[in-house]
Amino acid sequence: MSDDFAFAAPPFDPGEALQRLKRELRDLGLAERDGRFERRGVAMARASVDDGALLAARVRKPSRNSPEWQARTLRSSADVRDFVADLKKQLALWSDRDD
């Protein structure tokens, strides 16, 4: 008897992943405006689909003037989960500093 069950993960769909990412970012309390996700009017993240890939970025440090972006290409559901977890951690750190 073989241990190979031949289960494969479903193919990664960037469009579907973008919709899921947008929902998760809204659940973190961010408001979407012009492709960016903001908290209290300050851009925190952005996401888009380009050439069949999901491009996402978060700011290094919140800034109203000109945020410096840390961009990532998300190629799997695990990458999306990691991006959201990292952003959630950073949002908590930034909130602690604001209080």
C-alpha atoms as a PDB file:
ATOM      1  CA  MET A   1       0.000   0.000   0.000  1.00  0.00           C
ATOM      2  CA  SER A   2       1.408   3.359  -1.002  1.00  0.00           C
ATOM      3  CA  ASP A   3       1.518   6.411   1.281  1.00  0.00           C
ATOM      4  CA  ASP A   4       1.158   8.697  -1.742  1.00  0.00           C
ATOM      5  CA  PHE A   5      -2.407  10.003  -1.572  1.00  0.00           C
ATOM      6  CA  ALA A   6      -1.917  12.304  -4.593  1.00  0.00           C
ATOM      7  CA  PHE A   7      -3.532  15.318  -2.949  1.00  0.00           C
ATOM      8  CA  ALA A   8      -2.471  18.578  -4.512  1.00  0.00           C
ATOM      9  CA  ALA A   9      -3.173  22.070  -3.285  1.00  0.00           C
ATOM     10  CA  PRO A  10      -5.491  24.031  -5.550  1.00  0.00           C
ATOM     11  CA  PRO A  11      -3.690  26.364  -7.936  1.00  0.00           C
ATOM     12  CA  PHE A  12      -3.035  29.861  -6.587  1.00  0.00           C
ATOM     13  CA  ASP A  13      -5.431  32.419  -8.075  1.00  0.00           C
ATOM     14  CA  PRO A  14      -4.091  35.978  -7.517  1.00  0.00           C
ATOM     15  CA  GLY A  15      -7.495  37.592  -8.125  1.00  0.00           C
ATOM     16  CA  GLU A  16      -9.185  35.406  -5.543  1.00  0.00           C
ATOM     17  CA  ALA A  17      -6.281  35.903  -3.138  1.00  0.00           C
ATOM     18  CA  LEU A  18      -6.566  39.690  -3.547  1.00  0.00           C
ATOM     19  CA  GLN A  19     -10.232  39.597  -2.533  1.00  0.00           C
ATOM     20  CA  ARG A  20      -9.391  37.442   0.490  1.00  0.00           C
ATOM     21  CA  LEU A  21      -6.512  39.768   1.414  1.00  0.00           C
ATOM     22  CA  LYS A  22      -8.765  42.823   1.178  1.00  0.00           C
ATOM     23  CA  ARG A  23     -11.280  41.187   3.551  1.00  0.00           C
ATOM     24  CA  GLU A  24      -8.526  40.333   6.029  1.00  0.00           C
ATOM     25  CA  LEU A  25      -7.106  43.869   5.926  1.00  0.00           C
ATOM     26  CA  ARG A  26     -10.573  45.328   6.560  1.00  0.00           C
ATOM     27  CA  ASP A  27     -10.933  42.894   9.477  1.00  0.00           C
ATOM     28  CA  LEU A  28      -7.730  44.426  10.907  1.00  0.00           C
ATOM     29  CA  GLY A  29      -9.514  47.776  10.994  1.00  0.00           C
ATOM     30  CA  LEU A  30      -8.012  49.267   7.855  1.00  0.00           C
ATOM     31  CA  ALA A  31     -10.095  51.295   5.413  1.00  0.00           C
ATOM     32  CA  GLU A  32      -9.539  50.901   1.680  1.00  0.00           C
ATOM     33  CA  ARG A  33      -8.984  54.030  -0.383  1.00  0.00           C
ATOM     34  CA  ASP A  34      -7.561  54.105  -3.916  1.00  0.00           C
ATOM     35  CA  GLY A  35      -5.887  50.699  -3.615  1.00  0.00           C
ATOM     36  CA  ARG A  36      -4.329  51.569  -0.261  1.00  0.00           C
ATOM     37  CA  PHE A  37      -5.396  50.471   3.184  1.00  0.00           C
ATOM     38  CA  GLU A  38      -5.319  53.178   5.811  1.00  0.00           C
ATOM     39  CA  ARG A  39      -5.714  53.641   9.520  1.00  0.00           C
ATOM     40  CA  ARG A  40      -6.708  57.132  10.660  1.00  0.00           C
ATOM     41  CA  GLY A  41      -5.825  58.515   7.234  1.00  0.00           C
ATOM     42  CA  VAL A  42      -2.310  57.049   7.212  1.00  0.00           C
ATOM     43  CA  ALA A  43      -1.458  54.454   4.541  1.00  0.00           C
ATOM     44  CA  MET A  44      -0.444  51.106   6.044  1.00  0.00           C
ATOM     45  CA  ALA A  45      -0.639  48.625   3.145  1.00  0.00           C
ATOM     46  CA  ARG A  46      -1.461  48.257  -0.516  1.00  0.00           C
ATOM     47  CA  ALA A  47      -2.228  45.327  -2.789  1.00  0.00           C
ATOM     48  CA  SER A  48      -2.868  44.701  -6.472  1.00  0.00           C
ATOM     49  CA  VAL A  49      -2.729  42.009  -9.128  1.00  0.00           C
ATOM     50  CA  ASP A  50      -0.135  42.565 -11.835  1.00  0.00           C
ATOM     51  CA  ASP A  51       0.863  40.114 -14.579  1.00  0.00           C
ATOM     52  CA  GLY A  52      -0.807  37.203 -12.830  1.00  0.00           C
ATOM     53  CA  ALA A  53       0.913  37.821  -9.487  1.00  0.00           C
ATOM     54  CA  LEU A  54      -0.354  39.355  -6.252  1.00  0.00           C
ATOM     55  CA  LEU A  55       1.775  42.337  -5.293  1.00  0.00           C
ATOM     56  CA  ALA A  56       1.479  43.541  -1.709  1.00  0.00           C
ATOM     57  CA  ALA A  57       3.369  46.078   0.358  1.00  0.00           C
ATOM     58  CA  ARG A  58       3.348  47.493   3.859  1.00  0.00           C
ATOM     59  CA  VAL A  59       4.948  50.660   5.124  1.00  0.00           C
ATOM     60  CA  ARG A  60       8.203  50.475   7.053  1.00  0.00           C
ATOM     61  CA  LYS A  61       6.941  53.188   9.372  1.00  0.00           C
ATOM     62  CA  PRO A  62       3.607  55.049   9.301  1.00  0.00           C
ATOM     63  CA  SER A  63       3.949  58.436   7.633  1.00  0.00           C
ATOM     64  CA  ARG A  64       1.391  60.896   6.282  1.00  0.00           C
ATOM     65  CA  ASN A  65       3.851  62.521   3.868  1.00  0.00           C
ATOM     66  CA  SER A  66       5.675  59.868   1.876  1.00  0.00           C
ATOM     67  CA  PRO A  67       5.565  56.311   3.185  1.00  0.00           C
ATOM     68  CA  GLU A  68       8.468  53.996   2.451  1.00  0.00           C
ATOM     69  CA  TRP A  69       7.068  50.711   1.148  1.00  0.00           C
ATOM     70  CA  GLN A  70       8.287  47.147   1.718  1.00  0.00           C
ATOM     71  CA  ALA A  71       6.986  45.288  -1.330  1.00  0.00           C
ATOM     72  CA  ARG A  72       6.469  41.550  -1.647  1.00  0.00           C
ATOM     73  CA  THR A  73       5.185  39.278  -4.389  1.00  0.00           C
ATOM     74  CA  LEU A  74       2.742  36.773  -2.924  1.00  0.00           C
ATOM     75  CA  ARG A  75       2.744  33.495  -4.844  1.00  0.00           C
ATOM     76  CA  SER A  76       0.780  31.224  -2.526  1.00  0.00           C
ATOM     77  CA  SER A  77      -1.874  31.245   0.170  1.00  0.00           C
ATOM     78  CA  ALA A  78       0.889  30.739   2.729  1.00  0.00           C
ATOM     79  CA  ASP A  79       2.571  33.958   1.513  1.00  0.00           C
ATOM     80  CA  VAL A  80      -0.724  35.820   1.950  1.00  0.00           C
ATOM     81  CA  ARG A  81      -1.128  34.459   5.495  1.00  0.00           C
ATOM     82  CA  ASP A  82       2.458  35.460   6.343  1.00  0.00           C
ATOM     83  CA  PHE A  83       1.915  38.960   4.951  1.00  0.00           C
ATOM     84  CA  VAL A  84      -1.256  39.449   7.020  1.00  0.00           C
ATOM     85  CA  ALA A  85       0.395  38.061  10.173  1.00  0.00           C
ATOM     86  CA  ASP A  86       3.394  40.369   9.740  1.00  0.00           C
ATOM     87  CA  LEU A  87       1.155  43.383   9.143  1.00  0.00           C
ATOM     88  CA  LYS A  88      -0.995  42.510  12.151  1.00  0.00           C
ATOM     89  CA  LYS A  89       2.119  42.332  14.333  1.00  0.00           C
ATOM     90  CA  GLN A  90       3.363  45.697  13.025  1.00  0.00           C
ATOM     91  CA  LEU A  91      -0.034  47.341  13.519  1.00  0.00           C
ATOM     92  CA  ALA A  92      -0.002  46.211  17.157  1.00  0.00           C
ATOM     93  CA  LEU A  93       3.497  47.633  17.651  1.00  0.00           C
ATOM     94  CA  TRP A  94       2.577  50.929  16.025  1.00  0.00           C
ATOM     95  CA  SER A  95      -0.599  51.160  18.143  1.00  0.00           C
ATOM     96  CA  ASP A  96       1.392  50.615  21.322  1.00  0.00           C
ATOM     97  CA  ARG A  97       3.694  53.501  20.381  1.00  0.00           C
ATOM     98  CA  ASP A  98       0.738  55.771  19.570  1.00  0.00           C
ATOM     99  CA  ASP A  99      -0.935  55.238  22.961  1.00  0.00           C
END
